[in-house]
Amino acid sequence: MMTKNQINEREQLEMLTIEQLVPQDHLVRKLDAAIDFFFIYPLVEDLYSTIGRSSIDP
């Protein structure tokens, strides 16, 4: 039988960020610090439509 306390525990939210989930010594962080990926934007610019909403980087 479910009690009121069990129901309330299921409704609780925990706010997390990517910064909290990825360890400081992770390979992805090292790559991000070592490589500047902004060179890609000019290379792919002509592949996107000029009409409509602009895209948002993830």
N, C-alpha and C. Protein backbone atom coordinates (compact mmCIF):
# COMPACT_ATOMS: atom_id res chain seq x y z
N MET A 1 0.83 -1.18 0.00
CA MET A 1 0.00 0.00 0.00
C MET A 1 0.88 1.25 0.00
N MET A 2 0.53 2.20 -0.84
CA MET A 2 1.31 3.43 -0.91
C MET A 2 0.85 4.42 0.16
N THR A 3 1.80 4.98 0.83
CA THR A 3 1.46 6.00 1.83
C THR A 3 1.66 7.37 1.23
N LYS A 4 1.21 8.36 1.93
CA LYS A 4 1.34 9.74 1.44
C LYS A 4 2.81 10.13 1.26
N ASN A 5 3.70 9.68 2.15
CA ASN A 5 5.13 9.99 2.04
C ASN A 5 5.73 9.44 0.76
N GLN A 6 5.34 8.25 0.36
CA GLN A 6 5.88 7.68 -0.87
C GLN A 6 5.43 8.48 -2.08
N ILE A 7 4.20 8.94 -2.08
CA ILE A 7 3.70 9.73 -3.20
C ILE A 7 4.46 11.04 -3.30
N ASN A 8 4.69 11.71 -2.17
CA ASN A 8 5.41 12.99 -2.17
C ASN A 8 6.85 12.82 -2.64
N GLU A 9 7.48 11.72 -2.30
CA GLU A 9 8.86 11.50 -2.72
C GLU A 9 8.95 11.38 -4.23
N ARG A 10 7.95 10.82 -4.85
CA ARG A 10 7.96 10.67 -6.31
C ARG A 10 7.75 12.00 -7.02
N GLU A 11 7.18 12.96 -6.36
CA GLU A 11 6.90 14.25 -6.98
C GLU A 11 8.06 15.24 -6.83
N GLN A 12 9.09 14.88 -6.10
CA GLN A 12 10.21 15.78 -5.89
C GLN A 12 11.07 15.86 -7.14
N LEU A 13 11.59 17.03 -7.42
CA LEU A 13 12.46 17.26 -8.57
C LEU A 13 13.87 17.55 -8.09
N GLU A 14 14.82 17.14 -8.88
CA GLU A 14 16.21 17.49 -8.60
C GLU A 14 16.76 18.17 -9.83
N MET A 15 17.26 19.36 -9.66
CA MET A 15 17.80 20.13 -10.78
C MET A 15 19.28 19.83 -10.93
N LEU A 16 19.68 19.40 -12.12
CA LEU A 16 21.06 19.10 -12.43
C LEU A 16 21.49 19.85 -13.68
N THR A 17 22.77 20.12 -13.76
CA THR A 17 23.32 20.72 -14.97
C THR A 17 24.33 19.75 -15.57
N ILE A 18 24.68 19.97 -16.82
CA ILE A 18 25.69 19.15 -17.47
C ILE A 18 27.01 19.27 -16.70
N GLU A 19 27.30 20.45 -16.18
CA GLU A 19 28.53 20.66 -15.41
C GLU A 19 28.60 19.70 -14.22
N GLN A 20 27.48 19.43 -13.60
CA GLN A 20 27.46 18.54 -12.44
C GLN A 20 27.57 17.07 -12.85
N LEU A 21 27.13 16.74 -14.05
CA LEU A 21 27.09 15.35 -14.47
C LEU A 21 28.40 14.86 -15.08
N VAL A 22 29.17 15.75 -15.69
CA VAL A 22 30.41 15.36 -16.34
C VAL A 22 31.59 15.62 -15.39
N PRO A 23 32.34 14.59 -15.05
CA PRO A 23 33.49 14.78 -14.15
C PRO A 23 34.51 15.77 -14.73
N GLN A 24 35.21 16.46 -13.85
CA GLN A 24 36.17 17.47 -14.27
C GLN A 24 37.31 16.89 -15.10
N ASP A 25 37.69 15.64 -14.88
CA ASP A 25 38.81 15.04 -15.61
C ASP A 25 38.35 14.19 -16.81
N HIS A 26 37.11 14.37 -17.25
CA HIS A 26 36.56 13.58 -18.36
C HIS A 26 37.21 13.98 -19.68
N LEU A 27 37.35 13.02 -20.58
CA LEU A 27 37.97 13.26 -21.89
C LEU A 27 37.23 14.34 -22.68
N VAL A 28 35.92 14.39 -22.58
CA VAL A 28 35.15 15.39 -23.32
C VAL A 28 35.54 16.81 -22.89
N ARG A 29 35.78 17.01 -21.62
CA ARG A 29 36.20 18.34 -21.14
C ARG A 29 37.60 18.69 -21.69
N LYS A 30 38.47 17.71 -21.74
CA LYS A 30 39.82 17.94 -22.27
C LYS A 30 39.77 18.30 -23.75
N LEU A 31 38.93 17.59 -24.51
CA LEU A 31 38.78 17.90 -25.94
C LEU A 31 38.19 19.28 -26.14
N ASP A 32 37.19 19.62 -25.35
CA ASP A 32 36.56 20.94 -25.47
C ASP A 32 37.56 22.06 -25.20
N ALA A 33 38.45 21.85 -24.26
CA ALA A 33 39.45 22.86 -23.93
C ALA A 33 40.54 22.95 -24.99
N ALA A 34 40.82 21.84 -25.68
CA ALA A 34 41.94 21.79 -26.62
C ALA A 34 41.56 22.17 -28.05
N ILE A 35 40.30 21.95 -28.44
CA ILE A 35 39.90 22.15 -29.83
C ILE A 35 38.83 23.23 -29.91
N ASP A 36 39.06 24.20 -30.80
CA ASP A 36 38.07 25.25 -31.06
C ASP A 36 37.23 24.81 -32.25
N PHE A 37 35.98 24.45 -32.00
CA PHE A 37 35.11 23.92 -33.05
C PHE A 37 34.38 25.01 -33.85
N PHE A 38 34.64 26.27 -33.58
CA PHE A 38 33.93 27.33 -34.29
C PHE A 38 34.32 27.43 -35.76
N PHE A 39 35.38 26.77 -36.17
CA PHE A 39 35.76 26.77 -37.59
C PHE A 39 34.71 26.06 -38.45
N ILE A 40 33.87 25.25 -37.82
CA ILE A 40 32.87 24.48 -38.56
C ILE A 40 31.76 25.38 -39.10
N TYR A 41 31.38 26.42 -38.39
CA TYR A 41 30.26 27.26 -38.79
C TYR A 41 30.40 27.83 -40.20
N PRO A 42 31.50 28.43 -40.57
CA PRO A 42 31.61 28.92 -41.95
C PRO A 42 31.58 27.80 -42.99
N LEU A 43 32.07 26.63 -42.63
CA LEU A 43 32.09 25.52 -43.58
C LEU A 43 30.70 24.98 -43.91
N VAL A 44 29.78 25.06 -42.97
CA VAL A 44 28.44 24.49 -43.17
C VAL A 44 27.36 25.56 -43.35
N GLU A 45 27.75 26.82 -43.38
CA GLU A 45 26.80 27.91 -43.44
C GLU A 45 25.86 27.81 -44.65
N ASP A 46 26.38 27.43 -45.78
CA ASP A 46 25.56 27.36 -46.99
C ASP A 46 24.61 26.15 -47.01
N LEU A 47 24.71 25.27 -46.04
CA LEU A 47 23.83 24.10 -45.97
C LEU A 47 22.52 24.40 -45.25
N TYR A 48 22.42 25.56 -44.63
CA TYR A 48 21.23 25.93 -43.88
C TYR A 48 20.39 26.93 -44.66
N SER A 49 19.09 26.89 -44.41
CA SER A 49 18.16 27.79 -45.07
C SER A 49 18.33 29.22 -44.56
N THR A 50 18.06 30.18 -45.41
CA THR A 50 18.14 31.59 -45.00
C THR A 50 16.78 32.10 -44.53
N ILE A 51 15.73 31.30 -44.70
CA ILE A 51 14.40 31.72 -44.24
C ILE A 51 14.01 30.93 -43.00
N GLY A 52 13.08 31.45 -42.25
CA GLY A 52 12.63 30.78 -41.04
C GLY A 52 13.45 31.19 -39.84
N ARG A 53 13.23 30.49 -38.78
CA ARG A 53 13.94 30.80 -37.53
C ARG A 53 15.39 30.36 -37.62
N SER A 54 16.22 31.11 -36.95
CA SER A 54 17.63 30.72 -36.90
C SER A 54 17.79 29.55 -35.93
N SER A 55 18.78 28.74 -36.17
CA SER A 55 18.99 27.57 -35.31
C SER A 55 19.61 27.99 -33.98
N ILE A 56 19.46 27.12 -33.00
CA ILE A 56 20.03 27.35 -31.68
C ILE A 56 21.00 26.22 -31.41
N ASP A 57 22.22 26.55 -31.05
CA ASP A 57 23.21 25.53 -30.73
C ASP A 57 22.80 24.75 -29.50
N PRO A 58 23.04 23.46 -29.51
CA PRO A 58 22.72 22.67 -28.31
C PRO A 58 23.67 22.99 -27.18
